[in-house]
């Protein structure tokens, strides 16, 4: 299994483990569960609003610009909002960040990015240089390099912008749906349950991770062939 995919698996399992640990600590009275639920309820008041959509989009663009992990943003979105709203917001926000990164990369230029990118850039270049729709889909599906870096490289390589955005959408949406569904299961773990841990949510979360990692491994092998 490629190192980047192993890191992706580790991130998801750490998120699941931390959520289960939080559940145990909250049940034991070490954490203030009511305060967290109150904050969550306050945020959900703005669900399905234009301001919520704008705020999420700007937050994604700003945080991804400083290389904040996209996975954590998407998981959090899935935890805070309903599935359909989370998918819509995360898709729009992620594609907005893709467009922003492309424009920045086009302006900065290839030499500057290669100078500061190191090995991550060289890995991503192998995919981007093929300059095909399939390669654009794959670089958004596979964890080849940080999300923002691949967008900047696409701009630096002067890839066709409409085709790149279409490829980005096709590559981004399947992963977003799986990650948001994973976040939805984590939110069920946070909510109090008189019967203890909701094991069904844990099993579904693990199954989603297995499906996602399996898809990444399959795509990586197919692309290398």
Protein backbone atom coordinates (compact mmCIF):
# COMPACT_ATOMS: atom_id res chain seq x y z
CA UNK A 1 0.00 0.00 0.00
CA UNK A 2 1.47 3.42 -0.97
CA UNK A 3 2.71 5.58 1.89
CA UNK A 4 0.25 8.41 1.14
CA UNK A 5 -2.71 6.02 1.34
CA UNK A 6 -1.38 4.58 4.61
CA UNK A 7 -1.32 8.12 5.99
CA UNK A 8 -4.92 8.63 4.87
CA UNK A 9 -5.96 5.43 6.64
CA UNK A 10 -4.12 6.53 9.78
CA UNK A 11 -5.89 9.92 9.80
CA UNK A 12 -9.34 8.31 9.61
CA UNK A 13 -8.59 5.76 12.29
CA UNK A 14 -7.18 8.47 14.57
CA UNK A 15 -10.34 10.54 14.09
CA UNK A 16 -12.50 7.54 14.93
CA UNK A 17 -10.35 6.66 17.94
CA UNK A 18 -10.40 10.22 19.26
CA UNK A 19 -14.19 10.37 18.93
CA UNK A 20 -14.63 7.09 20.82
CA UNK A 21 -12.24 8.36 23.51
CA UNK A 22 -14.26 11.59 23.76
CA UNK A 23 -17.43 9.49 24.20
CA UNK A 24 -15.89 7.56 27.08
CA UNK A 25 -14.56 10.72 28.77
CA UNK A 26 -17.91 12.50 28.39
CA UNK A 27 -19.79 9.51 29.84
CA UNK A 28 -17.35 9.47 32.75
CA UNK A 29 -18.01 13.16 33.44
CA UNK A 30 -14.55 14.43 32.51
CA UNK A 31 -15.80 16.54 29.60
CA UNK A 32 -18.61 19.05 29.38
CA UNK A 33 -20.81 17.40 26.78
CA UNK A 34 -23.66 19.90 27.19
CA UNK A 35 -21.45 22.84 26.19
CA UNK A 36 -20.33 21.10 22.99
CA UNK A 37 -23.89 20.16 22.07
CA UNK A 38 -25.04 23.74 22.69
CA UNK A 39 -22.35 25.09 20.34
CA UNK A 40 -23.30 22.50 17.73
CA UNK A 41 -26.99 23.42 18.01
CA UNK A 42 -26.11 27.10 17.58
CA UNK A 43 -24.13 26.38 14.39
CA UNK A 44 -26.96 24.27 13.00
CA UNK A 45 -29.33 27.23 13.30
CA UNK A 46 -27.66 28.61 10.18
CA UNK A 47 -28.04 25.39 8.19
CA UNK A 48 -29.55 25.84 4.70
CA UNK A 49 -28.82 29.57 4.78
CA UNK A 50 -26.86 31.65 2.29
CA UNK A 51 -24.64 32.96 5.08
CA UNK A 52 -23.78 29.41 6.10
CA UNK A 53 -22.80 28.57 2.53
CA UNK A 54 -20.68 31.71 2.16
CA UNK A 55 -19.04 31.23 5.55
CA UNK A 56 -18.13 27.59 4.88
CA UNK A 57 -16.76 28.44 1.44
CA UNK A 58 -14.57 31.26 2.74
CA UNK A 59 -13.35 29.10 5.63
CA UNK A 60 -12.35 26.29 3.25
CA UNK A 61 -10.55 28.66 0.89
CA UNK A 62 -8.67 30.37 3.74
CA UNK A 63 -7.65 27.20 5.61
CA UNK A 64 -6.73 25.21 2.50
CA UNK A 65 -4.57 28.13 1.36
CA UNK A 66 -2.34 27.48 4.39
CA UNK A 67 -2.31 23.71 3.70
CA UNK A 68 -4.86 22.76 6.38
CA UNK A 69 -5.90 19.11 5.79
CA UNK A 70 -8.98 18.90 3.57
CA UNK A 71 -10.02 15.61 5.17
CA UNK A 72 -10.48 17.21 8.59
CA UNK A 73 -12.53 20.05 7.11
CA UNK A 74 -14.85 17.65 5.31
CA UNK A 75 -15.24 15.34 8.32
CA UNK A 76 -16.13 18.33 10.49
CA UNK A 77 -18.67 19.53 7.93
CA UNK A 78 -20.24 16.06 7.94
CA UNK A 79 -20.41 16.10 11.73
CA UNK A 80 -22.04 19.52 12.00
CA UNK A 81 -24.65 19.44 9.24
CA UNK A 82 -27.13 17.12 7.59
CA UNK A 83 -25.70 14.88 4.89
CA UNK A 84 -27.22 16.62 1.87
CA UNK A 85 -26.31 20.13 3.06
CA UNK A 86 -22.81 19.03 4.05
CA UNK A 87 -22.21 17.48 0.60
CA UNK A 88 -23.46 20.59 -1.18
CA UNK A 89 -21.44 23.02 0.95
CA UNK A 90 -18.26 20.93 0.98
CA UNK A 91 -18.40 20.42 -2.79
CA UNK A 92 -18.88 24.11 -3.55
CA UNK A 93 -16.24 25.15 -1.00
CA UNK A 94 -13.70 22.59 -2.19
CA UNK A 95 -14.14 23.50 -5.85
CA UNK A 96 -13.84 27.19 -4.93
CA UNK A 97 -10.52 26.37 -3.29
CA UNK A 98 -9.51 24.39 -6.40
CA UNK A 99 -10.16 27.44 -8.58
CA UNK A 100 -8.32 29.72 -6.16
CA UNK A 101 -5.29 27.43 -6.02
CA UNK A 102 -5.24 27.15 -9.80
CA UNK A 103 -5.25 30.93 -10.21
CA UNK A 104 -2.49 31.36 -7.61
CA UNK A 105 -0.37 28.66 -9.28
CA UNK A 106 -0.87 30.25 -12.68
CA UNK A 107 0.31 33.57 -11.27
CA UNK A 108 3.22 32.23 -9.19
CA UNK A 109 4.62 29.95 -11.89
CA UNK A 110 6.06 26.48 -12.09
CA UNK A 111 9.63 27.29 -11.08
CA UNK A 112 8.63 28.88 -7.78
CA UNK A 113 6.38 25.97 -6.83
CA UNK A 114 9.02 23.38 -7.73
CA UNK A 115 11.60 25.28 -5.70
CA UNK A 116 9.54 25.13 -2.50
CA UNK A 117 7.51 21.95 -3.05
CA UNK A 118 10.18 19.26 -2.88
CA UNK A 119 9.23 15.61 -3.21
CA UNK A 120 5.49 16.30 -2.98
CA UNK A 121 5.63 18.37 -6.14
CA UNK A 122 7.57 15.70 -8.03
CA UNK A 123 4.97 13.08 -7.11
CA UNK A 124 2.10 15.29 -8.26
CA UNK A 125 3.89 16.29 -11.47
CA UNK A 126 3.90 12.67 -12.63
CA UNK A 127 0.12 12.81 -12.76
CA UNK A 128 -0.38 16.39 -13.94
CA UNK A 129 2.05 16.22 -16.86
CA UNK A 130 -0.23 13.75 -18.61
CA UNK A 131 -2.65 16.67 -19.02
CA UNK A 132 -5.70 14.46 -19.56
CA UNK A 133 -9.16 14.43 -18.03
CA UNK A 134 -8.38 11.11 -16.32
CA UNK A 135 -5.23 12.49 -14.73
CA UNK A 136 -7.18 15.48 -13.40
CA UNK A 137 -9.72 13.12 -11.85
CA UNK A 138 -7.00 10.96 -10.31
CA UNK A 139 -4.98 13.76 -8.74
CA UNK A 140 -8.14 14.83 -6.91
CA UNK A 141 -8.96 11.28 -5.83
CA UNK A 142 -5.51 10.09 -4.83
CA UNK A 143 -3.58 11.62 -1.90
CA UNK A 144 -0.57 12.28 -4.13
CA UNK A 145 0.27 15.64 -2.54
CA UNK A 146 -1.53 18.25 -0.41
CA UNK A 147 -4.77 19.36 -2.06
CA UNK A 148 -3.73 22.99 -2.45
CA UNK A 149 -0.37 22.02 -3.92
CA UNK A 150 -1.95 19.96 -6.71
CA UNK A 151 -4.29 22.83 -7.58
CA UNK A 152 -1.39 25.27 -7.77
CA UNK A 153 0.59 22.85 -9.93
CA UNK A 154 -2.36 22.56 -12.33
CA UNK A 155 -2.33 26.34 -12.70
CA UNK A 156 1.43 26.45 -13.05
CA UNK A 157 1.30 23.82 -15.83
CA UNK A 158 -1.37 25.89 -17.58
CA UNK A 159 -3.87 23.06 -17.75
CA UNK A 160 -7.15 23.86 -19.48
CA UNK A 161 -9.18 25.50 -16.71
CA UNK A 162 -12.72 24.28 -17.60
CA UNK A 163 -11.46 20.75 -18.13
CA UNK A 164 -9.47 20.89 -14.92
CA UNK A 165 -12.50 22.06 -12.91
CA UNK A 166 -14.68 19.33 -14.43
CA UNK A 167 -12.04 16.72 -13.64
CA UNK A 168 -11.72 18.14 -10.14
CA UNK A 169 -15.47 17.84 -9.58
CA UNK A 170 -15.58 14.24 -10.81
CA UNK A 171 -12.57 13.36 -8.66
CA UNK A 172 -13.64 15.25 -5.54
CA UNK A 173 -17.32 14.37 -5.15
CA UNK A 174 -17.06 10.56 -4.58
CA UNK A 175 -14.48 11.03 -1.84
CA UNK A 176 -16.44 13.88 -0.27
CA UNK A 177 -19.57 11.76 -0.04
CA UNK A 178 -17.70 8.94 1.73
CA UNK A 179 -15.88 11.31 4.10
CA UNK A 180 -19.04 13.26 4.97
CA UNK A 181 -20.86 9.98 5.65
CA UNK A 182 -17.95 9.07 7.93
CA UNK A 183 -18.33 12.41 9.73
CA UNK A 184 -22.05 11.75 10.15
CA UNK A 185 -21.27 8.50 11.95
CA UNK A 186 -18.80 10.30 14.22
CA UNK A 187 -21.53 12.79 15.16
CA UNK A 188 -23.70 9.86 16.30
CA UNK A 189 -20.87 8.78 18.61
CA UNK A 190 -20.79 12.21 20.24
CA UNK A 191 -24.50 12.29 21.06
CA UNK A 192 -25.39 10.67 24.38
CA UNK A 193 -26.76 7.15 24.18
CA UNK A 194 -28.34 5.36 27.14
CA UNK A 195 -27.31 2.00 25.72
CA UNK A 196 -23.63 2.93 25.62
CA UNK A 197 -21.57 3.26 22.47
CA UNK A 198 -23.59 3.06 19.23
CA UNK A 199 -21.68 0.14 17.76
CA UNK A 200 -23.60 0.34 14.50
CA UNK A 201 -22.13 3.81 13.90
CA UNK A 202 -18.63 2.50 14.64
CA UNK A 203 -19.04 -0.42 12.23
CA UNK A 204 -20.43 1.83 9.48
CA UNK A 205 -17.56 4.30 9.99
CA UNK A 206 -14.98 1.51 9.72
CA UNK A 207 -16.73 0.14 6.61
CA UNK A 208 -16.62 3.58 4.96
CA UNK A 209 -12.89 3.84 5.65
CA UNK A 210 -12.32 0.37 4.16
CA UNK A 211 -14.29 1.31 1.03
CA UNK A 212 -12.41 4.59 0.62
CA UNK A 213 -8.95 3.08 1.12
CA UNK A 214 -9.82 0.17 -1.17
CA UNK A 215 -10.88 2.63 -3.88
CA UNK A 216 -7.64 4.59 -3.51
CA UNK A 217 -5.49 1.46 -3.73
CA UNK A 218 -7.37 0.28 -6.83
CA UNK A 219 -7.03 3.65 -8.57
CA UNK A 220 -3.33 3.89 -7.70
CA UNK A 221 -2.59 0.46 -9.17
CA UNK A 222 -4.68 1.13 -12.28
CA UNK A 223 -3.02 4.48 -12.94
CA UNK A 224 0.47 3.01 -12.54
CA UNK A 225 -0.40 0.34 -15.11
